[in-house]
Amino acid sequence: LSATRGSQALQGKVAEKDAEIIARLKQAGAIPFGRTTTPEMSCATFTHTREWGVTR
């Protein structure tokens, strides 16, 4: 999955590995199926990015 952190500068970047919690959940048999957006570089208290717009 892409890992842009809400930034156009990182568009097309793909995470090199899973976060520790995701890796542990997968080891336990979980199948991640959802995702969300975050403010650009997580520097705001609301989510409205140039890439994805407003999160609702």
PDB file of N, CA and C in Angstrom:
ATOM      1  N   LEU A   1       0.830  -1.186   0.000  1.00  0.00           N
ATOM      2  CA  LEU A   1       0.000   0.000   0.000  1.00  0.00           C
ATOM      3  C   LEU A   1       0.867   1.240   0.000  1.00  0.00           C
ATOM      4  N   SER A   2       0.330   2.284  -0.587  1.00  0.00           N
ATOM      5  CA  SER A   2       1.080   3.534  -0.581  1.00  0.00           C
ATOM      6  C   SER A   2       1.153   4.100   0.833  1.00  0.00           C
ATOM      7  N   ALA A   3       2.181   4.862   1.083  1.00  0.00           N
ATOM      8  CA  ALA A   3       2.389   5.449   2.411  1.00  0.00           C
ATOM      9  C   ALA A   3       2.790   6.906   2.238  1.00  0.00           C
ATOM     10  N   THR A   4       1.836   7.748   1.844  1.00  0.00           N
ATOM     11  CA  THR A   4       2.147   9.137   1.516  1.00  0.00           C
ATOM     12  C   THR A   4       2.150  10.065   2.713  1.00  0.00           C
ATOM     13  N   ARG A   5       1.603   9.636   3.844  1.00  0.00           N
ATOM     14  CA  ARG A   5       1.470  10.500   5.020  1.00  0.00           C
ATOM     15  C   ARG A   5       0.758  11.795   4.662  1.00  0.00           C
ATOM     16  N   GLY A   6      -0.146  11.717   3.672  1.00  0.00           N
ATOM     17  CA  GLY A   6      -0.938  12.863   3.263  1.00  0.00           C
ATOM     18  C   GLY A   6      -0.182  13.894   2.447  1.00  0.00           C
ATOM     19  N   SER A   7       1.006  13.571   1.977  1.00  0.00           N
ATOM     20  CA  SER A   7       1.841  14.539   1.269  1.00  0.00           C
ATOM     21  C   SER A   7       1.996  14.184  -0.204  1.00  0.00           C
ATOM     22  N   GLN A   8       1.835  15.180  -1.069  1.00  0.00           N
ATOM     23  CA  GLN A   8       2.064  14.954  -2.492  1.00  0.00           C
ATOM     24  C   GLN A   8       3.527  14.619  -2.764  1.00  0.00           C
ATOM     25  N   ALA A   9       4.421  15.113  -1.919  1.00  0.00           N
ATOM     26  CA  ALA A   9       5.850  14.839  -2.095  1.00  0.00           C
ATOM     27  C   ALA A   9       6.162  13.349  -1.971  1.00  0.00           C
ATOM     28  N   LEU A  10       5.322  12.616  -1.257  1.00  0.00           N
ATOM     29  CA  LEU A  10       5.549  11.181  -1.056  1.00  0.00           C
ATOM     30  C   LEU A  10       4.621  10.320  -1.910  1.00  0.00           C
ATOM     31  N   GLN A  11       3.907  10.931  -2.839  1.00  0.00           N
ATOM     32  CA  GLN A  11       2.975  10.192  -3.685  1.00  0.00           C
ATOM     33  C   GLN A  11       3.716   9.086  -4.435  1.00  0.00           C
ATOM     34  N   GLY A  12       3.149   7.896  -4.418  1.00  0.00           N
ATOM     35  CA  GLY A  12       3.759   6.749  -5.076  1.00  0.00           C
ATOM     36  C   GLY A  12       4.710   5.954  -4.196  1.00  0.00           C
ATOM     37  N   LYS A  13       5.031   6.452  -3.014  1.00  0.00           N
ATOM     38  CA  LYS A  13       5.906   5.719  -2.095  1.00  0.00           C
ATOM     39  C   LYS A  13       5.131   4.548  -1.492  1.00  0.00           C
ATOM     40  N   VAL A  14       5.808   3.460  -1.308  1.00  0.00           N
ATOM     41  CA  VAL A  14       5.203   2.270  -0.716  1.00  0.00           C
ATOM     42  C   VAL A  14       5.981   1.930   0.551  1.00  0.00           C
ATOM     43  N   ALA A  15       5.268   1.598   1.610  1.00  0.00           N
ATOM     44  CA  ALA A  15       5.924   1.238   2.868  1.00  0.00           C
ATOM     45  C   ALA A  15       6.838   0.033   2.644  1.00  0.00           C
ATOM     46  N   GLU A  16       8.037   0.097   3.206  1.00  0.00           N
ATOM     47  CA  GLU A  16       9.001  -0.992   3.052  1.00  0.00           C
ATOM     48  C   GLU A  16       8.651  -2.196   3.907  1.00  0.00           C
ATOM     49  N   LYS A  17       7.973  -1.959   5.028  1.00  0.00           N
ATOM     50  CA  LYS A  17       7.570  -3.064   5.892  1.00  0.00           C
ATOM     51  C   LYS A  17       6.336  -2.646   6.678  1.00  0.00           C
ATOM     52  N   ASP A  18       5.674  -3.622   7.268  1.00  0.00           N
ATOM     53  CA  ASP A  18       4.496  -3.355   8.087  1.00  0.00           C
ATOM     54  C   ASP A  18       4.895  -2.747   9.422  1.00  0.00           C
ATOM     55  N   ALA A  19       4.005  -1.951   9.985  1.00  0.00           N
ATOM     56  CA  ALA A  19       4.192  -1.476  11.352  1.00  0.00           C
ATOM     57  C   ALA A  19       4.174  -2.704  12.266  1.00  0.00           C
ATOM     58  N   GLU A  20       4.811  -2.606  13.409  1.00  0.00           N
ATOM     59  CA  GLU A  20       4.907  -3.741  14.333  1.00  0.00           C
ATOM     60  C   GLU A  20       3.535  -4.307  14.679  1.00  0.00           C
ATOM     61  N   ILE A  21       2.566  -3.450  14.966  1.00  0.00           N
ATOM     62  CA  ILE A  21       1.232  -3.940  15.336  1.00  0.00           C
ATOM     63  C   ILE A  21       0.583  -4.704  14.186  1.00  0.00           C
ATOM     64  N   ILE A  22       0.776  -4.245  12.956  1.00  0.00           N
ATOM     65  CA  ILE A  22       0.207  -4.939  11.797  1.00  0.00           C
ATOM     66  C   ILE A  22       0.903  -6.284  11.600  1.00  0.00           C
ATOM     67  N   ALA A  23       2.216  -6.310  11.743  1.00  0.00           N
ATOM     68  CA  ALA A  23       2.960  -7.571  11.614  1.00  0.00           C
ATOM     69  C   ALA A  23       2.466  -8.591  12.635  1.00  0.00           C
ATOM     70  N   ARG A  24       2.252  -8.150  13.869  1.00  0.00           N
ATOM     71  CA  ARG A  24       1.778  -9.070  14.915  1.00  0.00           C
ATOM     72  C   ARG A  24       0.359  -9.549  14.627  1.00  0.00           C
ATOM     73  N   LEU A  25      -0.484  -8.653  14.166  1.00  0.00           N
ATOM     74  CA  LEU A  25      -1.852  -9.056  13.826  1.00  0.00           C
ATOM     75  C   LEU A  25      -1.852 -10.073  12.691  1.00  0.00           C
ATOM     76  N   LYS A  26      -1.026  -9.855  11.668  1.00  0.00           N
ATOM     77  CA  LYS A  26      -0.933 -10.812  10.561  1.00  0.00           C
ATOM     78  C   LYS A  26      -0.433 -12.167  11.050  1.00  0.00           C
ATOM     79  N   GLN A  27       0.560 -12.157  11.951  1.00  0.00           N
ATOM     80  CA  GLN A  27       1.078 -13.409  12.507  1.00  0.00           C
ATOM     81  C   GLN A  27      -0.014 -14.162  13.252  1.00  0.00           C
ATOM     82  N   ALA A  28      -0.958 -13.422  13.825  1.00  0.00           N
ATOM     83  CA  ALA A  28      -2.057 -14.037  14.575  1.00  0.00           C
ATOM     84  C   ALA A  28      -3.206 -14.454  13.655  1.00  0.00           C
ATOM     85  N   GLY A  29      -3.062 -14.204  12.344  1.00  0.00           N
ATOM     86  CA  GLY A  29      -4.078 -14.633  11.393  1.00  0.00           C
ATOM     87  C   GLY A  29      -5.013 -13.542  10.904  1.00  0.00           C
ATOM     88  N   ALA A  30      -4.827 -12.316  11.372  1.00  0.00           N
ATOM     89  CA  ALA A  30      -5.692 -11.216  10.936  1.00  0.00           C
ATOM     90  C   ALA A  30      -5.406 -10.859   9.476  1.00  0.00           C
ATOM     91  N   ILE A  31      -6.420 -10.353   8.813  1.00  0.00           N
ATOM     92  CA  ILE A  31      -6.281  -9.884   7.440  1.00  0.00           C
ATOM     93  C   ILE A  31      -6.678  -8.411   7.413  1.00  0.00           C
ATOM     94  N   PRO A  32      -5.706  -7.500   7.386  1.00  0.00           N
ATOM     95  CA  PRO A  32      -6.034  -6.072   7.346  1.00  0.00           C
ATOM     96  C   PRO A  32      -6.822  -5.751   6.076  1.00  0.00           C
ATOM     97  N   PHE A  33      -7.885  -4.961   6.210  1.00  0.00           N
ATOM     98  CA  PHE A  33      -8.714  -4.678   5.039  1.00  0.00           C
ATOM     99  C   PHE A  33      -9.146  -3.225   4.925  1.00  0.00           C
ATOM    100  N   GLY A  34      -8.717  -2.372   5.807  1.00  0.00           N
ATOM    101  CA  GLY A  34      -9.126  -0.972   5.755  1.00  0.00           C
ATOM    102  C   GLY A  34      -7.942  -0.058   5.957  1.00  0.00           C
ATOM    103  N   ARG A  35      -8.165   1.199   5.641  1.00  0.00           N
ATOM    104  CA  ARG A  35      -7.141   2.196   5.887  1.00  0.00           C
ATOM    105  C   ARG A  35      -7.794   3.556   6.023  1.00  0.00           C
ATOM    106  N   THR A  36      -7.020   4.547   6.372  1.00  0.00           N
ATOM    107  CA  THR A  36      -7.539   5.892   6.560  1.00  0.00           C
ATOM    108  C   THR A  36      -6.538   6.890   5.999  1.00  0.00           C
ATOM    109  N   THR A  37      -6.866   8.151   6.097  1.00  0.00           N
ATOM    110  CA  THR A  37      -5.924   9.192   5.708  1.00  0.00           C
ATOM    111  C   THR A  37      -5.512   9.970   6.943  1.00  0.00           C
ATOM    112  N   THR A  38      -4.400  10.655   6.846  1.00  0.00           N
ATOM    113  CA  THR A  38      -3.918  11.489   7.946  1.00  0.00           C
ATOM    114  C   THR A  38      -3.607  12.872   7.397  1.00  0.00           C
ATOM    115  N   PRO A  39      -3.567  13.876   8.273  1.00  0.00           N
ATOM    116  CA  PRO A  39      -3.162  15.199   7.806  1.00  0.00           C
ATOM    117  C   PRO A  39      -1.726  15.137   7.275  1.00  0.00           C
ATOM    118  N   GLU A  40      -1.362  16.067   6.420  1.00  0.00           N
ATOM    119  CA  GLU A  40      -0.020  16.049   5.854  1.00  0.00           C
ATOM    120  C   GLU A  40       1.024  16.005   6.954  1.00  0.00           C
ATOM    121  N   MET A  41       1.844  14.961   6.927  1.00  0.00           N
ATOM    122  CA  MET A  41       2.898  14.698   7.907  1.00  0.00           C
ATOM    123  C   MET A  41       2.370  14.686   9.342  1.00  0.00           C
ATOM    124  N   SER A  42       1.073  14.453   9.500  1.00  0.00           N
ATOM    125  CA  SER A  42       0.404  14.396  10.813  1.00  0.00           C
ATOM    126  C   SER A  42       0.583  15.692  11.604  1.00  0.00           C
ATOM    127  N   CYS A  43       0.550  16.815  10.906  1.00  0.00           N
ATOM    128  CA  CYS A  43       0.802  18.120  11.540  1.00  0.00           C
ATOM    129  C   CYS A  43      -0.458  18.963  11.716  1.00  0.00           C
ATOM    130  N   ALA A  44      -1.625  18.351  11.839  1.00  0.00           N
ATOM    131  CA  ALA A  44      -2.858  19.117  12.036  1.00  0.00           C
ATOM    132  C   ALA A  44      -3.835  18.285  12.854  1.00  0.00           C
ATOM    133  N   THR A  45      -4.865  18.936  13.344  1.00  0.00           N
ATOM    134  CA  THR A  45      -5.875  18.227  14.141  1.00  0.00           C
ATOM    135  C   THR A  45      -7.088  17.847  13.305  1.00  0.00           C
ATOM    136  N   PHE A  46      -7.041  18.100  11.994  1.00  0.00           N
ATOM    137  CA  PHE A  46      -8.116  17.723  11.080  1.00  0.00           C
ATOM    138  C   PHE A  46      -7.464  17.134   9.828  1.00  0.00           C
ATOM    139  N   THR A  47      -8.238  16.433   9.024  1.00  0.00           N
ATOM    140  CA  THR A  47      -7.672  15.820   7.827  1.00  0.00           C
ATOM    141  C   THR A  47      -8.318  16.390   6.581  1.00  0.00           C
ATOM    142  N   HIS A  48      -7.551  17.167   5.857  1.00  0.00           N
ATOM    143  CA  HIS A  48      -7.927  17.695   4.548  1.00  0.00           C
ATOM    144  C   HIS A  48      -6.635  17.792   3.758  1.00  0.00           C
ATOM    145  N   THR A  49      -6.379  16.789   2.917  1.00  0.00           N
ATOM    146  CA  THR A  49      -5.122  16.756   2.179  1.00  0.00           C
ATOM    147  C   THR A  49      -5.341  17.141   0.726  1.00  0.00           C
ATOM    148  N   ARG A  50      -4.294  17.636   0.087  1.00  0.00           N
ATOM    149  CA  ARG A  50      -4.363  17.955  -1.344  1.00  0.00           C
ATOM    150  C   ARG A  50      -4.589  16.687  -2.157  1.00  0.00           C
ATOM    151  N   GLU A  51      -4.031  15.595  -1.684  1.00  0.00           N
ATOM    152  CA  GLU A  51      -4.113  14.335  -2.427  1.00  0.00           C
ATOM    153  C   GLU A  51      -5.497  13.702  -2.354  1.00  0.00           C
ATOM    154  N   TRP A  52      -6.126  13.694  -1.167  1.00  0.00           N
ATOM    155  CA  TRP A  52      -7.369  12.954  -0.975  1.00  0.00           C
ATOM    156  C   TRP A  52      -8.564  13.808  -0.571  1.00  0.00           C
ATOM    157  N   GLY A  53      -8.363  15.076  -0.271  1.00  0.00           N
ATOM    158  CA  GLY A  53      -9.475  15.929   0.144  1.00  0.00           C
ATOM    159  C   GLY A  53      -9.819  15.714   1.614  1.00  0.00           C
ATOM    160  N   VAL A  54     -11.096  15.978   1.958  1.00  0.00           N
ATOM    161  CA  VAL A  54     -11.563  15.880   3.341  1.00  0.00           C
ATOM    162  C   VAL A  54     -11.882  14.426   3.686  1.00  0.00           C
ATOM    163  N   THR A  55     -11.445  13.988   4.856  1.00  0.00           N
ATOM    164  CA  THR A  55     -11.807  12.655   5.340  1.00  0.00           C
ATOM    165  C   THR A  55     -13.134  12.762   6.067  1.00  0.00           C
ATOM    166  N   ARG A  56     -14.085  11.945   5.681  1.00  0.00           N
ATOM    167  CA  ARG A  56     -15.421  11.956   6.300  1.00  0.00           C
ATOM    168  C   ARG A  56     -15.738  10.595   6.874  1.00  0.00           C
TER     169      ARG A  56
END
